[in-house]
Protein backbone atom coordinates (compact mmCIF):
# COMPACT_ATOMS: atom_id res chain seq x y z
CA MET A 1 -64.35 -84.83 -190.46
CA ASN A 2 -62.72 -82.11 -188.36
CA LEU A 3 -59.48 -82.92 -186.53
CA ASN A 4 -58.57 -79.35 -185.58
CA ASN A 5 -56.45 -79.39 -182.38
CA HIS A 6 -56.22 -83.20 -182.54
CA ILE A 7 -52.67 -84.53 -182.19
CA LEU A 8 -51.39 -87.84 -183.60
CA PHE A 9 -48.17 -89.42 -182.33
CA VAL A 10 -46.37 -92.09 -184.41
CA ARG A 11 -43.64 -94.05 -182.63
CA ALA A 12 -41.44 -95.76 -185.25
CA ASP A 13 -37.80 -95.98 -186.32
CA ALA A 14 -35.78 -96.42 -189.52
CA SER A 15 -32.20 -97.37 -190.35
CA ASP A 16 -30.12 -99.24 -192.92
CA VAL A 17 -30.61 -102.36 -190.78
CA ILE A 18 -34.39 -102.34 -190.25
CA GLY A 19 -35.22 -100.33 -193.39
CA ILE A 20 -37.67 -97.45 -193.63
CA GLY A 21 -40.95 -99.34 -193.99
CA HIS A 22 -42.21 -98.74 -190.45
CA ILE A 23 -42.06 -95.00 -191.10
CA MET A 24 -43.23 -95.02 -194.71
CA ARG A 25 -46.38 -97.03 -194.14
CA ASN A 26 -47.56 -94.50 -191.55
CA ILE A 27 -47.18 -91.49 -193.83
CA PRO A 28 -50.56 -91.97 -195.62
CA LEU A 29 -52.59 -91.86 -192.40
CA ALA A 30 -50.47 -88.96 -191.13
CA GLN A 31 -51.18 -87.07 -194.36
CA SER A 32 -54.92 -87.67 -193.98
CA TRP A 33 -54.80 -86.59 -190.31
CA LYS A 34 -53.00 -83.39 -191.31
CA LYS A 35 -55.42 -82.77 -194.18
CA GLU A 36 -58.32 -82.87 -191.72
CA GLY A 37 -56.69 -80.16 -189.59
CA GLY A 38 -54.73 -82.19 -187.05
CA GLU A 39 -51.06 -82.16 -186.01
CA VAL A 40 -48.65 -85.09 -186.45
CA PHE A 41 -45.49 -85.94 -184.49
CA PHE A 42 -43.12 -88.76 -185.42
CA ILE A 43 -41.28 -90.01 -182.32
CA SER A 44 -38.08 -91.88 -183.13
CA ASN A 45 -34.96 -93.35 -181.66
CA GLN A 46 -33.17 -93.03 -185.01
CA LEU A 47 -33.89 -91.84 -188.55
CA PRO A 48 -31.72 -91.36 -191.65
CA ASN A 49 -31.23 -87.66 -192.40
CA ASN A 50 -33.00 -87.95 -195.77
CA LEU A 51 -36.06 -89.49 -194.15
CA GLU A 52 -36.17 -86.85 -191.41
CA ARG A 53 -36.13 -84.15 -194.10
CA ARG A 54 -38.92 -85.93 -195.95
CA LEU A 55 -41.11 -85.98 -192.86
CA LYS A 56 -40.45 -82.32 -192.18
CA ASN A 57 -41.24 -81.47 -195.81
CA GLU A 58 -44.65 -83.03 -195.15
CA ASN A 59 -44.99 -80.57 -192.23
CA PHE A 60 -44.77 -83.34 -189.66
CA ASP A 61 -42.82 -82.68 -186.47
CA VAL A 62 -39.97 -85.05 -185.54
CA ILE A 63 -38.94 -85.65 -181.92
CA TYR A 64 -36.07 -87.91 -180.86
CA LEU A 65 -36.05 -90.00 -177.71
CA LYS A 66 -33.20 -89.63 -175.26
CA SER A 67 -30.73 -92.50 -175.38
CA CYS A 68 -32.56 -95.74 -174.59
CA LEU A 69 -33.06 -99.27 -175.90
CA PRO A 70 -35.84 -99.25 -178.54
CA GLY A 71 -38.92 -101.07 -177.27
CA SER A 72 -37.83 -100.91 -173.62
CA ALA A 73 -39.88 -99.68 -170.67
CA ILE A 74 -37.81 -96.49 -170.69
CA ASP A 75 -38.69 -95.99 -174.34
CA ALA A 76 -42.39 -96.44 -173.52
CA LEU A 77 -42.28 -94.02 -170.58
CA GLN A 78 -40.45 -91.37 -172.60
CA THR A 79 -43.07 -91.73 -175.34
CA VAL A 80 -45.86 -91.41 -172.77
CA GLN A 81 -44.29 -88.27 -171.29
CA MET A 82 -43.97 -86.65 -174.71
CA ALA A 83 -47.53 -87.58 -175.62
CA GLN A 84 -48.91 -86.19 -172.37
CA LYS A 85 -46.86 -83.00 -172.72
CA LYS A 86 -48.27 -82.39 -176.22
CA HIS A 87 -51.78 -83.56 -175.20
CA ALA A 88 -51.75 -86.20 -177.93
CA ASN A 89 -55.14 -87.66 -178.81
CA PHE A 90 -53.86 -90.86 -180.37
CA LEU A 91 -50.67 -92.91 -180.57
CA ILE A 92 -49.54 -95.37 -183.25
CA ILE A 93 -46.65 -97.74 -182.54
CA ASP A 94 -44.98 -99.62 -185.37
CA GLY A 95 -41.93 -101.87 -185.02
CA TYR A 96 -41.01 -105.44 -184.13
CA TYR A 97 -39.36 -104.59 -180.79
CA PHE A 98 -42.59 -103.13 -179.38
CA LYS A 99 -43.84 -106.10 -177.37
CA SER A 100 -46.87 -106.68 -175.15
CA ALA A 101 -45.29 -104.96 -172.14
CA TYR A 102 -44.75 -101.80 -174.18
CA GLN A 103 -48.45 -101.65 -175.13
CA LYS A 104 -49.43 -102.29 -171.53
CA ILE A 105 -47.40 -99.32 -170.28
CA ILE A 106 -49.02 -97.06 -172.89
CA LYS A 107 -52.53 -98.15 -171.91
CA GLU A 108 -51.80 -97.87 -168.16
CA HIS A 109 -51.28 -94.17 -168.85
CA HIS A 110 -54.69 -93.95 -170.53
CA LEU A 111 -53.51 -93.12 -174.05
CA LYS A 112 -55.50 -94.23 -177.08
CA LEU A 113 -53.37 -96.71 -179.00
CA LEU A 114 -53.16 -98.33 -182.43
CA PHE A 115 -50.65 -101.15 -182.86
CA MET A 116 -49.36 -101.96 -186.36
CA ASP A 117 -49.01 -105.73 -186.61
CA ASP A 118 -47.76 -108.16 -189.25
CA PHE A 119 -47.53 -111.58 -187.63
CA GLY A 120 -49.95 -111.92 -184.68
CA HIS A 121 -46.86 -113.00 -182.71
CA LEU A 122 -47.24 -111.14 -179.41
CA ASP A 123 -48.19 -112.77 -176.10
CA HIS A 124 -51.01 -110.28 -175.61
CA TYR A 125 -52.50 -107.21 -177.29
CA TYR A 126 -53.48 -104.24 -175.11
CA ALA A 127 -54.00 -101.67 -177.88
CA ASP A 128 -57.39 -100.15 -178.64
CA ILE A 129 -56.88 -101.09 -182.30
CA VAL A 130 -54.70 -103.77 -183.87
CA LEU A 131 -54.16 -103.08 -187.55
CA ASN A 132 -52.87 -105.85 -189.81
CA ARG A 133 -53.23 -105.09 -193.54
CA SER A 134 -51.73 -108.37 -194.70
CA LEU A 135 -53.76 -110.51 -197.08
CA ILE A 136 -53.29 -113.41 -194.65
CA SER A 137 -54.23 -111.46 -191.50
CA LYS A 138 -57.66 -113.07 -191.18
CA GLN A 139 -55.96 -116.44 -190.66
CA ILE A 140 -54.65 -115.16 -187.29
CA SER A 141 -57.01 -115.78 -184.37
CA TYR A 142 -55.96 -112.81 -182.19
CA SER A 143 -57.62 -114.49 -179.21
CA ASN A 144 -54.91 -113.04 -176.94
CA LYS A 145 -56.31 -109.51 -176.77
CA GLU A 146 -58.26 -107.28 -174.42
CA PRO A 147 -62.09 -107.31 -174.70
CA TYR A 148 -62.03 -103.69 -175.90
CA THR A 149 -59.38 -104.29 -178.62
CA LYS A 150 -60.75 -103.85 -182.13
CA LEU A 151 -59.20 -105.76 -185.02
CA LEU A 152 -58.82 -104.07 -188.40
CA LEU A 153 -57.67 -106.79 -190.76
CA GLY A 154 -57.02 -107.03 -194.48
CA SER A 155 -56.30 -104.92 -197.53
CA LYS A 156 -59.40 -102.72 -197.17
CA TYR A 157 -57.42 -100.78 -194.54
CA ASN A 158 -54.38 -100.27 -196.76
CA ALA A 159 -53.70 -96.54 -196.72
CA ILE A 160 -52.47 -94.79 -199.87
CA ARG A 161 -50.12 -91.79 -199.89
CA GLU A 162 -51.41 -88.54 -201.40
CA GLU A 163 -49.13 -88.87 -204.41
CA PHE A 164 -51.10 -92.00 -205.39
CA VAL A 165 -54.55 -90.62 -204.64
CA LYS A 166 -54.30 -88.22 -207.60
CA TYR A 167 -54.27 -91.27 -209.88
CA GLY A 168 -57.41 -92.68 -208.29
CA ASP A 169 -59.58 -92.68 -211.41
CA HIS A 170 -56.90 -93.50 -213.96
CA ILE A 171 -57.10 -96.53 -216.22
CA PRO A 172 -53.60 -97.83 -217.01
CA ILE A 173 -52.52 -97.88 -220.64
CA ILE A 174 -51.35 -101.40 -221.52
CA ARG A 175 -48.88 -101.08 -224.38
CA ASP A 176 -48.32 -103.85 -226.93
CA ASP A 177 -44.64 -104.03 -225.95
CA ILE A 178 -42.74 -103.31 -222.76
CA LYS A 179 -41.12 -99.88 -223.05
CA GLU A 180 -40.56 -98.86 -219.42
CA VAL A 181 -39.58 -100.98 -216.42
CA LEU A 182 -39.46 -100.04 -212.73
CA ILE A 183 -37.08 -101.79 -210.30
CA THR A 184 -37.38 -101.09 -206.57
CA PHE A 185 -36.34 -103.10 -203.52
CA GLY A 186 -37.11 -100.80 -200.62
CA GLY A 187 -35.33 -98.04 -198.79
CA ALA A 188 -32.29 -100.07 -197.69
CA ASP A 189 -32.13 -103.14 -199.96
CA PRO A 190 -29.62 -104.80 -197.56
CA GLN A 191 -29.29 -107.85 -199.83
CA ASN A 192 -28.48 -105.57 -202.78
CA ILE A 193 -31.00 -107.17 -205.14
CA THR A 194 -30.81 -103.96 -207.17
CA LEU A 195 -27.28 -104.91 -208.28
CA LYS A 196 -28.46 -108.39 -209.21
CA MET A 197 -31.26 -106.94 -211.35
CA ILE A 198 -28.92 -104.54 -213.18
CA GLU A 199 -26.85 -107.53 -214.26
CA VAL A 200 -29.80 -109.81 -215.11
CA LEU A 201 -31.51 -107.24 -217.32
CA ASN A 202 -28.46 -107.16 -219.58
CA ARG A 203 -29.70 -110.52 -220.84
CA VAL A 204 -33.23 -109.27 -221.51
CA PHE A 205 -33.39 -105.67 -222.74
CA ASN A 206 -31.63 -103.42 -225.21
CA LYS A 207 -31.67 -99.66 -225.81
CA ASP A 208 -35.35 -99.79 -226.83
CA VAL A 209 -36.39 -100.21 -223.19
CA LYS A 210 -35.99 -97.63 -220.40
CA VAL A 211 -35.34 -99.06 -216.94
CA HIS A 212 -35.76 -96.94 -213.79
CA PHE A 213 -33.97 -98.19 -210.66
CA ILE A 214 -35.28 -96.62 -207.45
CA ILE A 215 -32.96 -96.82 -204.44
CA GLY A 216 -33.84 -95.50 -201.01
CA ALA A 217 -32.43 -93.17 -198.39
CA THR A 218 -30.57 -95.96 -196.56
CA TYR A 219 -29.10 -97.79 -199.58
CA LYS A 220 -25.39 -98.45 -198.84
CA HIS A 221 -24.08 -100.22 -201.97
CA ASP A 222 -23.17 -97.26 -204.19
CA ILE A 223 -19.56 -98.37 -204.72
CA GLU A 224 -20.62 -101.78 -206.08
CA LEU A 225 -23.26 -100.10 -208.20
CA ASN A 226 -20.81 -97.68 -209.77
CA LYS A 227 -18.42 -100.49 -210.72
CA ILE A 228 -20.88 -102.09 -213.16
CA MET A 229 -22.42 -98.98 -214.74
CA HIS A 230 -20.19 -99.17 -217.81
CA SER A 231 -21.37 -102.70 -218.64
CA VAL A 232 -25.10 -101.88 -218.87
CA LYS A 233 -26.44 -102.43 -222.40
CA TYR A 234 -29.94 -101.00 -222.00
CA ASP A 235 -31.26 -97.48 -221.36
CA PHE A 236 -31.39 -96.93 -217.62
CA LYS A 237 -31.41 -94.34 -214.85
CA ILE A 238 -30.90 -94.63 -211.10
CA HIS A 239 -33.05 -92.47 -208.82
CA ARG A 240 -32.48 -92.06 -205.08
CA ASP A 241 -35.09 -91.45 -202.38
CA VAL A 242 -37.84 -90.24 -204.73
CA SER A 243 -40.98 -88.48 -203.54
CA ASN A 244 -42.94 -89.22 -206.73
CA MET A 245 -43.02 -93.01 -206.82
CA ALA A 246 -46.57 -92.88 -208.14
CA ASP A 247 -45.37 -91.14 -211.31
CA PHE A 248 -42.83 -93.90 -211.96
CA MET A 249 -45.49 -96.56 -211.44
CA HIS A 250 -47.86 -94.69 -213.72
CA SER A 251 -45.42 -94.64 -216.64
CA ALA A 252 -44.03 -98.19 -216.21
CA ASP A 253 -45.31 -101.22 -218.09
CA ILE A 254 -43.99 -103.72 -215.53
CA ALA A 255 -42.09 -103.66 -212.24
CA VAL A 256 -39.72 -105.96 -210.36
CA THR A 257 -39.99 -105.40 -206.64
CA ALA A 258 -39.92 -106.69 -203.09
CA GLY A 259 -43.16 -107.27 -201.20
CA GLY A 260 -44.59 -105.01 -198.52
CA THR A 261 -46.38 -101.69 -198.92
CA THR A 262 -44.99 -101.15 -202.43
CA LEU A 263 -46.90 -104.18 -203.69
CA PHE A 264 -50.20 -102.71 -202.45
CA GLU A 265 -49.34 -99.45 -204.20
CA MET A 266 -48.59 -101.24 -207.46
CA ALA A 267 -51.89 -103.09 -207.27
CA TYR A 268 -53.69 -99.78 -206.73
CA MET A 269 -51.93 -98.34 -209.79
CA GLY A 270 -52.71 -101.41 -211.89
CA LEU A 271 -49.01 -102.12 -212.46
CA PRO A 272 -48.16 -105.78 -213.23
CA SER A 273 -45.10 -106.93 -211.32
CA ILE A 274 -42.61 -109.66 -210.54
CA VAL A 275 -42.08 -110.03 -206.81
CA MET A 276 -39.24 -111.45 -204.73
CA SER A 277 -39.58 -111.30 -200.96
CA THR A 278 -36.76 -109.75 -198.95
CA ALA A 279 -38.26 -109.87 -195.43
CA SER A 280 -40.38 -112.18 -193.28
CA ASN A 281 -43.29 -109.71 -193.18
CA GLN A 282 -43.92 -110.06 -196.93
CA LYS A 283 -45.98 -113.26 -196.86
CA SER A 284 -48.83 -111.47 -198.63
CA SER A 285 -46.75 -111.48 -201.81
CA LYS A 286 -47.60 -115.10 -202.59
CA VAL A 287 -51.30 -114.41 -201.97
CA PHE A 288 -51.20 -111.46 -204.38
CA ALA A 289 -49.93 -113.88 -207.02
CA ASP A 290 -51.78 -117.12 -206.28
CA LYS A 291 -55.20 -115.85 -205.21
CA TYR A 292 -55.56 -112.45 -206.86
CA ASN A 293 -53.22 -112.76 -209.88
CA THR A 294 -51.84 -109.22 -209.62
CA CYS A 295 -48.19 -110.30 -209.90
CA LEU A 296 -45.78 -113.20 -210.44
CA TYR A 297 -44.18 -114.37 -207.18
CA LEU A 298 -40.74 -115.99 -207.40
CA GLY A 299 -39.96 -116.62 -203.73
CA ASN A 300 -37.13 -115.42 -201.49
CA ALA A 301 -34.90 -113.03 -203.43
CA LEU A 302 -31.69 -114.68 -202.23
CA ASN A 303 -32.78 -118.03 -203.69
CA VAL A 304 -34.05 -116.80 -207.06
CA GLY A 305 -31.78 -117.56 -209.99
CA GLU A 306 -31.22 -115.37 -213.04
CA GLN A 307 -33.00 -117.71 -215.43
CA LEU A 308 -36.19 -117.70 -213.33
CA ILE A 309 -36.25 -113.90 -213.39
CA ILE A 310 -35.68 -113.82 -217.14
CA SER A 311 -38.38 -116.41 -217.90
CA ASN A 312 -40.94 -114.45 -215.86
CA ILE A 313 -40.08 -111.18 -217.60
CA GLU A 314 -40.68 -113.06 -220.86
CA LYS A 315 -44.12 -114.06 -219.53
CA LEU A 316 -44.98 -110.44 -218.86
CA LYS A 317 -44.31 -109.55 -222.47
CA SER A 318 -47.83 -110.88 -223.03
CA LYS A 319 -50.16 -107.89 -223.27
CA GLU A 320 -53.11 -110.10 -222.34
CA LEU A 321 -51.48 -111.24 -219.10
CA ARG A 322 -50.47 -107.69 -218.15
CA SER A 323 -54.02 -106.47 -218.82
CA LYS A 324 -55.52 -109.10 -216.52
CA MET A 325 -53.05 -108.35 -213.73
CA SER A 326 -53.72 -104.62 -214.01
CA VAL A 327 -57.48 -105.04 -213.66
CA ASN A 328 -57.10 -107.51 -210.78
CA GLY A 329 -54.85 -105.15 -208.83
CA GLN A 330 -57.17 -102.17 -209.08
CA ARG A 331 -60.10 -104.35 -208.12
CA LEU A 332 -58.29 -105.47 -204.95
CA ILE A 333 -57.03 -102.08 -203.66
CA ASP A 334 -59.61 -99.28 -203.87
CA GLY A 335 -57.60 -96.48 -202.20
CA LYS A 336 -60.17 -95.81 -199.45
CA GLY A 337 -58.14 -97.27 -196.59
CA ASN A 338 -57.21 -93.84 -195.17
CA GLU A 339 -60.85 -92.88 -194.80
CA ARG A 340 -61.78 -96.21 -193.17
CA LEU A 341 -58.89 -95.94 -190.69
CA LEU A 342 -59.72 -92.40 -189.64
CA GLN A 343 -63.35 -93.34 -189.08
CA GLU A 344 -62.31 -96.21 -186.81
CA ILE A 345 -59.80 -94.10 -184.87
CA ILE A 346 -62.25 -91.30 -184.05
CA LYS A 347 -64.70 -93.89 -182.67
CA ILE A 348 -62.28 -94.82 -179.85
CA LYS A 349 -63.42 -93.28 -176.58
């Protein structure tokens, strides 16, 4: 596939309020587009400085909109003008304030459009492609779309970042005992579940176990975190805004995490996990657990008590259970989503 002189626009935002997921889940496709010779521009209303640097380190261009309400008609028209000025070949929009009217404006200006969806909640879909990677996406009828709109639904379109692709053929080593644990609750973790986990694990692990806490670019609870450091009884380290998440997943025996894109990545890596949802777009988490047995799902993170977390960590001490979860995850996510997405995009006339 040759994308020389082909330009991809991604319209998405990130902040400590909405998190960084809308940006992060577009990086894999942007990497693949770049790898095939194309150019990538991220168009944003706001980004944390750390995330902007990360995008630029990937050799993506970042352009900011002039002051406007995200998702408004002015936002759409500014995006159109930028896309036309750069002769963009394709536009992706990702965010919950991009409604039907926004898509309609984009299509009225004859731009090729992919809309990232999670809920099937819009009045109408005008995009050329609607992409919903959720494990429950096929339960949505999507009858409210244009005749030309193509639906790409399910985990087969889950795109994997380049840092994960290098582990594509690896078979996870399932140790007899848990030696390394990964804790990650997204880029912002507004509910500060990280703090809760630091305290809970005092009742589970000692110095024989290494625990890695990954916090993101928009995490704002450092003061609270620092106050309890002295009371931690196990071996631990806190890492901020890492660019090698795949390496942490590769070395861990289990993880405790939120849902979302991270859960797909853990399945791909064959990493057994305990999952607590922190956002309404993480309904796939329960399906991962109940239907595919790749994780243990505990429910909404704010309602999960310490004893439930501890009892499920005890369950994962079973090597047999971890082995089954690892195999199930790698069977579900094959890592070819990038390729499938690119093939569908270049078909749009």
